[in-house]
Amino acid sequence: QVQLVESGGGLVQAGGSLRLSCTASGSIFSISDMGWYRQAPGKQRELVATITRGHSTNYAGSVKGRFTISRDNALNTVYLQMSSLKPEDTAVYYCNAISGGYITTWGQGTQVTVSS
């Protein structure tokens, strides 16, 4: 089994920056892709960015050019550097990991609030 612990959320003004971290433990050898998703009040959870073990990345169009996902395999940690934040980025951000080829694990979520 894989466990994920997120950190780094908080309150920031529009135009500001935050960095989220997510550290995996447990069966880390089986993790392939990791990523970040977010869920705003009254909305469905949506993809923000994903990264493969080989560091190939994919971004939602709404964050491309503003957010950067990265990964340190030695530390079993994935990061999300968020810049030029907008009020519409306000959401609970969830870390995600795929292990064993098909098992999806979610973190507990971390709140990001962007004030205008």
Protein backbone atom coordinates (compact mmCIF):
# COMPACT_ATOMS: atom_id res chain seq x y z
CA GLN A 1 0.00 0.00 0.00
CA VAL A 2 0.99 3.60 -0.61
CA GLN A 3 0.33 6.50 1.72
CA LEU A 4 0.51 10.16 0.65
CA VAL A 5 0.96 13.20 2.89
CA GLU A 6 0.56 16.68 1.45
CA SER A 7 1.76 20.01 2.79
CA GLY A 8 2.19 23.59 1.72
CA GLY A 9 -1.31 24.92 1.24
CA GLY A 10 -2.49 28.22 2.64
CA LEU A 11 -3.81 31.67 1.93
CA VAL A 12 -2.14 33.87 -0.67
CA GLN A 13 -3.01 37.02 -2.54
CA ALA A 14 -3.70 36.96 -6.25
CA GLY A 15 -0.45 37.03 -8.17
CA GLY A 16 1.39 35.26 -5.39
CA SER A 17 3.06 31.87 -5.25
CA LEU A 18 2.82 28.68 -3.22
CA ARG A 19 4.58 25.34 -3.34
CA LEU A 20 2.81 22.13 -2.47
CA SER A 21 4.66 18.98 -1.48
CA CYS A 22 3.48 15.39 -1.33
CA THR A 23 5.59 12.62 0.16
CA ALA A 24 4.84 8.97 -0.44
CA SER A 25 5.52 6.10 1.92
CA GLY A 26 4.80 2.40 1.93
CA SER A 27 5.13 0.49 -1.34
CA ILE A 28 6.96 3.34 -3.05
CA PHE A 29 8.85 1.06 -5.43
CA SER A 30 5.58 0.35 -7.23
CA ILE A 31 4.65 4.00 -7.89
CA SER A 32 4.67 5.08 -11.53
CA ASP A 33 2.75 8.30 -12.18
CA MET A 34 2.08 10.97 -9.59
CA GLY A 35 0.02 14.09 -9.88
CA TRP A 36 -2.06 16.85 -8.44
CA TYR A 37 -5.79 17.33 -8.73
CA ARG A 38 -8.04 19.98 -7.25
CA GLN A 39 -11.65 20.36 -6.24
CA ALA A 40 -13.35 23.70 -5.79
CA PRO A 41 -16.62 24.03 -3.83
CA GLY A 42 -19.54 22.73 -5.88
CA LYS A 43 -17.30 21.46 -8.65
CA GLN A 44 -15.89 18.11 -9.67
CA ARG A 45 -12.32 17.14 -8.95
CA GLU A 46 -10.13 18.05 -11.90
CA LEU A 47 -6.63 17.28 -13.07
CA VAL A 48 -3.99 19.93 -12.48
CA ALA A 49 -0.77 18.20 -13.49
CA THR A 50 0.82 14.78 -13.67
CA ILE A 51 4.38 13.52 -13.88
CA THR A 52 5.76 10.11 -14.76
CA ARG A 53 8.62 8.39 -13.04
CA GLY A 54 10.74 9.49 -15.98
CA HIS A 55 9.67 13.13 -15.40
CA SER A 56 7.36 13.52 -18.39
CA THR A 57 4.70 16.07 -17.47
CA ASN A 58 1.15 16.94 -18.41
CA TYR A 59 -0.78 20.07 -17.41
CA ALA A 60 -4.34 21.29 -17.49
CA GLY A 61 -4.70 24.17 -19.90
CA SER A 62 -5.82 26.50 -17.13
CA VAL A 63 -2.51 26.19 -15.26
CA LYS A 64 -0.03 25.73 -18.09
CA GLY A 65 2.70 28.34 -17.88
CA ARG A 66 1.87 29.18 -14.26
CA PHE A 67 2.29 25.87 -12.42
CA THR A 68 5.24 23.50 -12.50
CA ILE A 69 5.15 19.91 -11.33
CA SER A 70 8.38 18.17 -10.38
CA ARG A 71 9.41 15.02 -8.67
CA ASP A 72 12.29 13.76 -6.57
CA ASN A 73 12.28 9.98 -6.81
CA ALA A 74 15.00 9.66 -4.18
CA LEU A 75 12.81 11.52 -1.67
CA ASN A 76 9.57 9.95 -2.92
CA THR A 77 8.17 13.46 -3.18
CA VAL A 78 6.23 15.34 -5.83
CA TYR A 79 5.99 19.12 -5.83
CA LEU A 80 3.64 21.64 -7.37
CA GLN A 81 5.09 25.13 -7.73
CA MET A 82 2.21 27.52 -8.28
CA SER A 83 2.84 31.06 -9.51
CA SER A 84 0.67 33.94 -10.70
CA LEU A 85 -2.14 32.51 -8.64
CA LYS A 86 -5.69 33.57 -9.39
CA PRO A 87 -8.82 33.48 -7.22
CA GLU A 88 -10.15 30.73 -9.46
CA ASP A 89 -7.25 28.53 -8.35
CA THR A 90 -8.88 28.35 -4.91
CA ALA A 91 -9.59 24.69 -4.16
CA VAL A 92 -8.57 21.70 -2.12
CA TYR A 93 -5.54 20.22 -3.83
CA TYR A 94 -5.08 16.45 -3.73
CA CYS A 95 -1.95 14.46 -4.41
CA ASN A 96 -2.39 11.28 -6.42
CA ALA A 97 -0.21 8.25 -7.08
CA ILE A 98 -0.59 5.29 -9.39
CA SER A 99 1.02 2.09 -8.15
CA GLY A 100 1.05 -1.49 -9.29
CA GLY A 101 -0.08 -0.34 -12.70
CA TYR A 102 -3.65 0.41 -11.67
CA ILE A 103 -3.99 1.24 -7.97
CA THR A 104 -4.88 4.88 -7.29
CA THR A 105 -4.06 6.46 -3.97
CA TRP A 106 -5.14 9.91 -2.82
CA GLY A 107 -3.74 12.20 -0.19
CA GLN A 108 -5.91 13.90 2.39
CA GLY A 109 -5.95 17.21 0.53
CA THR A 110 -4.58 20.65 1.32
CA GLN A 111 -6.52 23.90 1.03
CA VAL A 112 -5.28 26.64 -1.25
CA THR A 113 -7.10 29.96 -1.02
CA VAL A 114 -6.28 32.86 -3.33
CA SER A 115 -7.71 36.22 -2.33
CA SER A 116 -8.42 38.95 -4.83
